[in-house]
Amino acid sequence: MSQKDEIVAVIIEMIGALPQPPAQRATPETNIARDLGLDSLAVMNLVMQLEDRFDVSMPMDRLAEVQTIDDLAVTIADLQGG
């Protein structure tokens, strides 16, 4: 399993553990805002959890480019130097 695949698995696990998890199952192609129905506060909370989990700091300009779970995993991997 690649580093990105491991990050995707962690993101999907964290999404499933949200106080109000989405009705549909998350996949790497899932659009975070549109498909999961997360409001901006929920997205920011998720990002903060991911920053803590992966010991990275996600710049807002990079976060603005993220659409899918896969995009988020690639960004985290890049920030880790992978």
N, C-alpha and C. Protein backbone atom coordinates (compact mmCIF):
# COMPACT_ATOMS: atom_id res chain seq x y z
N MET A 1 0.85 -1.18 0.00
CA MET A 1 0.00 0.00 0.00
C MET A 1 0.89 1.24 0.00
N SER A 2 0.61 2.17 -0.90
CA SER A 2 1.42 3.37 -1.00
C SER A 2 1.10 4.34 0.15
N GLN A 3 1.98 5.33 0.31
CA GLN A 3 1.76 6.33 1.34
C GLN A 3 0.42 7.03 1.13
N LYS A 4 0.13 7.38 -0.13
CA LYS A 4 -1.13 8.07 -0.42
C LYS A 4 -2.32 7.19 -0.09
N ASP A 5 -2.25 5.90 -0.41
CA ASP A 5 -3.34 4.98 -0.11
C ASP A 5 -3.57 4.87 1.40
N GLU A 6 -2.49 4.87 2.16
CA GLU A 6 -2.61 4.82 3.61
C GLU A 6 -3.28 6.09 4.14
N ILE A 7 -2.93 7.23 3.56
CA ILE A 7 -3.54 8.50 3.97
C ILE A 7 -5.02 8.50 3.62
N VAL A 8 -5.37 8.02 2.42
CA VAL A 8 -6.78 7.93 2.01
C VAL A 8 -7.55 7.09 3.02
N ALA A 9 -6.99 5.96 3.43
CA ALA A 9 -7.67 5.08 4.39
C ALA A 9 -7.92 5.80 5.71
N VAL A 10 -6.94 6.57 6.18
CA VAL A 10 -7.09 7.31 7.43
C VAL A 10 -8.16 8.39 7.28
N ILE A 11 -8.16 9.11 6.16
CA ILE A 11 -9.16 10.15 5.93
C ILE A 11 -10.56 9.54 5.94
N ILE A 12 -10.75 8.44 5.23
CA ILE A 12 -12.06 7.79 5.17
C ILE A 12 -12.48 7.32 6.56
N GLU A 13 -11.54 6.79 7.33
CA GLU A 13 -11.84 6.36 8.69
C GLU A 13 -12.27 7.56 9.55
N MET A 14 -11.57 8.68 9.42
CA MET A 14 -11.92 9.87 10.19
C MET A 14 -13.28 10.42 9.79
N ILE A 15 -13.59 10.38 8.52
CA ILE A 15 -14.90 10.85 8.05
C ILE A 15 -16.00 9.97 8.64
N GLY A 16 -15.76 8.67 8.68
CA GLY A 16 -16.74 7.75 9.26
C GLY A 16 -16.95 7.95 10.75
N ALA A 17 -15.96 8.55 11.41
CA ALA A 17 -16.05 8.78 12.85
C ALA A 17 -16.60 10.16 13.20
N LEU A 18 -16.98 10.94 12.19
CA LEU A 18 -17.53 12.26 12.47
C LEU A 18 -18.82 12.14 13.27
N PRO A 19 -19.16 13.18 14.07
CA PRO A 19 -20.40 13.12 14.86
C PRO A 19 -21.63 12.84 14.00
N GLN A 20 -21.67 13.39 12.79
CA GLN A 20 -22.75 13.10 11.86
C GLN A 20 -22.12 12.62 10.56
N PRO A 21 -21.76 11.33 10.52
CA PRO A 21 -21.10 10.82 9.31
C PRO A 21 -22.03 10.93 8.10
N PRO A 22 -21.46 11.06 6.92
CA PRO A 22 -22.27 11.19 5.72
C PRO A 22 -23.08 9.92 5.45
N ALA A 23 -24.18 10.09 4.73
CA ALA A 23 -25.05 8.95 4.42
C ALA A 23 -24.38 7.98 3.46
N GLN A 24 -23.58 8.51 2.53
CA GLN A 24 -22.92 7.62 1.57
C GLN A 24 -21.52 7.27 2.02
N ARG A 25 -21.04 6.15 1.51
CA ARG A 25 -19.69 5.70 1.84
C ARG A 25 -18.68 6.56 1.10
N ALA A 26 -17.67 7.00 1.81
CA ALA A 26 -16.62 7.83 1.22
C ALA A 26 -15.64 6.96 0.45
N THR A 27 -15.20 7.46 -0.71
CA THR A 27 -14.19 6.81 -1.54
C THR A 27 -13.15 7.87 -1.92
N PRO A 28 -12.03 7.47 -2.52
CA PRO A 28 -11.04 8.47 -2.92
C PRO A 28 -11.60 9.53 -3.87
N GLU A 29 -12.60 9.17 -4.67
CA GLU A 29 -13.18 10.10 -5.64
C GLU A 29 -14.27 10.99 -5.04
N THR A 30 -14.63 10.77 -3.78
CA THR A 30 -15.69 11.53 -3.14
C THR A 30 -15.30 13.00 -3.05
N ASN A 31 -16.21 13.88 -3.51
CA ASN A 31 -16.01 15.32 -3.38
C ASN A 31 -16.35 15.69 -1.94
N ILE A 32 -15.41 16.29 -1.24
CA ILE A 32 -15.56 16.53 0.20
C ILE A 32 -16.74 17.44 0.50
N ALA A 33 -16.88 18.53 -0.21
CA ALA A 33 -17.97 19.47 0.08
C ALA A 33 -19.30 18.99 -0.50
N ARG A 34 -19.31 18.64 -1.76
CA ARG A 34 -20.57 18.30 -2.44
C ARG A 34 -21.13 16.95 -2.00
N ASP A 35 -20.32 15.91 -2.02
CA ASP A 35 -20.83 14.56 -1.77
C ASP A 35 -21.03 14.25 -0.29
N LEU A 36 -20.19 14.83 0.56
CA LEU A 36 -20.29 14.52 1.99
C LEU A 36 -21.23 15.47 2.72
N GLY A 37 -21.52 16.61 2.12
CA GLY A 37 -22.43 17.56 2.74
C GLY A 37 -21.88 18.17 4.02
N LEU A 38 -20.57 18.27 4.12
CA LEU A 38 -19.95 18.85 5.31
C LEU A 38 -19.96 20.37 5.20
N ASP A 39 -20.30 21.03 6.29
CA ASP A 39 -20.21 22.48 6.28
C ASP A 39 -18.76 22.89 6.51
N SER A 40 -18.48 24.18 6.38
CA SER A 40 -17.10 24.65 6.46
C SER A 40 -16.47 24.37 7.81
N LEU A 41 -17.26 24.43 8.88
CA LEU A 41 -16.72 24.14 10.22
C LEU A 41 -16.31 22.67 10.33
N ALA A 42 -17.14 21.79 9.82
CA ALA A 42 -16.82 20.35 9.86
C ALA A 42 -15.57 20.06 9.03
N VAL A 43 -15.44 20.72 7.88
CA VAL A 43 -14.26 20.52 7.03
C VAL A 43 -13.01 21.00 7.77
N MET A 44 -13.09 22.17 8.39
CA MET A 44 -11.92 22.70 9.11
C MET A 44 -11.55 21.81 10.30
N ASN A 45 -12.55 21.28 11.00
CA ASN A 45 -12.26 20.35 12.11
C ASN A 45 -11.57 19.10 11.59
N LEU A 46 -12.03 18.58 10.46
CA LEU A 46 -11.40 17.42 9.85
C LEU A 46 -9.96 17.73 9.46
N VAL A 47 -9.75 18.89 8.86
CA VAL A 47 -8.40 19.29 8.45
C VAL A 47 -7.48 19.39 9.67
N MET A 48 -7.97 19.98 10.76
CA MET A 48 -7.15 20.10 11.97
C MET A 48 -6.80 18.72 12.53
N GLN A 49 -7.74 17.79 12.50
CA GLN A 49 -7.45 16.43 12.96
C GLN A 49 -6.40 15.78 12.07
N LEU A 50 -6.51 15.99 10.77
CA LEU A 50 -5.55 15.41 9.85
C LEU A 50 -4.17 16.04 10.02
N GLU A 51 -4.12 17.35 10.26
CA GLU A 51 -2.84 18.01 10.51
C GLU A 51 -2.16 17.42 11.74
N ASP A 52 -2.94 17.18 12.79
CA ASP A 52 -2.39 16.58 14.00
C ASP A 52 -1.93 15.15 13.73
N ARG A 53 -2.75 14.38 13.04
CA ARG A 53 -2.47 12.97 12.78
C ARG A 53 -1.21 12.79 11.94
N PHE A 54 -1.04 13.66 10.94
CA PHE A 54 0.08 13.50 10.01
C PHE A 54 1.20 14.50 10.25
N ASP A 55 1.08 15.30 11.30
CA ASP A 55 2.11 16.27 11.68
C ASP A 55 2.50 17.18 10.52
N VAL A 56 1.48 17.78 9.91
CA VAL A 56 1.68 18.74 8.83
C VAL A 56 0.85 19.98 9.13
N SER A 57 1.17 21.06 8.43
CA SER A 57 0.37 22.28 8.49
C SER A 57 -0.08 22.57 7.07
N MET A 58 -1.39 22.58 6.86
CA MET A 58 -1.92 22.74 5.53
C MET A 58 -2.21 24.21 5.23
N PRO A 59 -1.44 24.81 4.33
CA PRO A 59 -1.68 26.21 3.98
C PRO A 59 -3.06 26.38 3.33
N MET A 60 -3.71 27.49 3.60
CA MET A 60 -5.05 27.73 3.08
C MET A 60 -5.08 27.73 1.55
N ASP A 61 -4.02 28.21 0.90
CA ASP A 61 -4.02 28.22 -0.56
C ASP A 61 -4.00 26.80 -1.13
N ARG A 62 -3.32 25.88 -0.44
CA ARG A 62 -3.32 24.47 -0.87
C ARG A 62 -4.67 23.83 -0.60
N LEU A 63 -5.26 24.17 0.53
CA LEU A 63 -6.56 23.61 0.90
C LEU A 63 -7.64 24.04 -0.09
N ALA A 64 -7.52 25.27 -0.60
CA ALA A 64 -8.51 25.78 -1.56
C ALA A 64 -8.52 24.96 -2.85
N GLU A 65 -7.41 24.28 -3.16
CA GLU A 65 -7.31 23.47 -4.37
C GLU A 65 -7.88 22.06 -4.19
N VAL A 66 -8.15 21.66 -2.96
CA VAL A 66 -8.60 20.31 -2.66
C VAL A 66 -10.09 20.17 -2.95
N GLN A 67 -10.42 19.17 -3.75
CA GLN A 67 -11.83 18.88 -4.06
C GLN A 67 -12.25 17.51 -3.51
N THR A 68 -11.41 16.50 -3.74
CA THR A 68 -11.76 15.13 -3.39
C THR A 68 -10.89 14.61 -2.24
N ILE A 69 -11.26 13.46 -1.73
CA ILE A 69 -10.46 12.81 -0.69
C ILE A 69 -9.08 12.49 -1.24
N ASP A 70 -9.02 12.06 -2.49
CA ASP A 70 -7.72 11.77 -3.11
C ASP A 70 -6.86 13.03 -3.20
N ASP A 71 -7.47 14.17 -3.57
CA ASP A 71 -6.72 15.44 -3.60
C ASP A 71 -6.14 15.76 -2.23
N LEU A 72 -6.95 15.54 -1.20
CA LEU A 72 -6.51 15.83 0.16
C LEU A 72 -5.34 14.92 0.54
N ALA A 73 -5.42 13.65 0.18
CA ALA A 73 -4.35 12.70 0.48
C ALA A 73 -3.06 13.09 -0.24
N VAL A 74 -3.17 13.49 -1.50
CA VAL A 74 -1.99 13.92 -2.27
C VAL A 74 -1.36 15.14 -1.61
N THR A 75 -2.18 16.09 -1.19
CA THR A 75 -1.67 17.29 -0.53
C THR A 75 -0.93 16.95 0.75
N ILE A 76 -1.51 16.07 1.56
CA ILE A 76 -0.86 15.67 2.81
C ILE A 76 0.45 14.95 2.51
N ALA A 77 0.45 14.05 1.55
CA ALA A 77 1.68 13.33 1.18
C ALA A 77 2.76 14.31 0.72
N ASP A 78 2.36 15.31 -0.10
CA ASP A 78 3.32 16.32 -0.56
C ASP A 78 3.90 17.10 0.63
N LEU A 79 3.04 17.47 1.56
CA LEU A 79 3.50 18.24 2.72
C LEU A 79 4.44 17.42 3.61
N GLN A 80 4.27 16.11 3.58
CA GLN A 80 5.16 15.23 4.34
C GLN A 80 6.46 14.96 3.60
N GLY A 81 6.54 15.44 2.38
CA GLY A 81 7.76 15.21 1.60
C GLY A 81 7.72 13.92 0.84
N GLY A 82 6.52 13.34 0.70
CA GLY A 82 6.41 12.05 0.01
C GLY A 82 5.96 12.26 -1.35
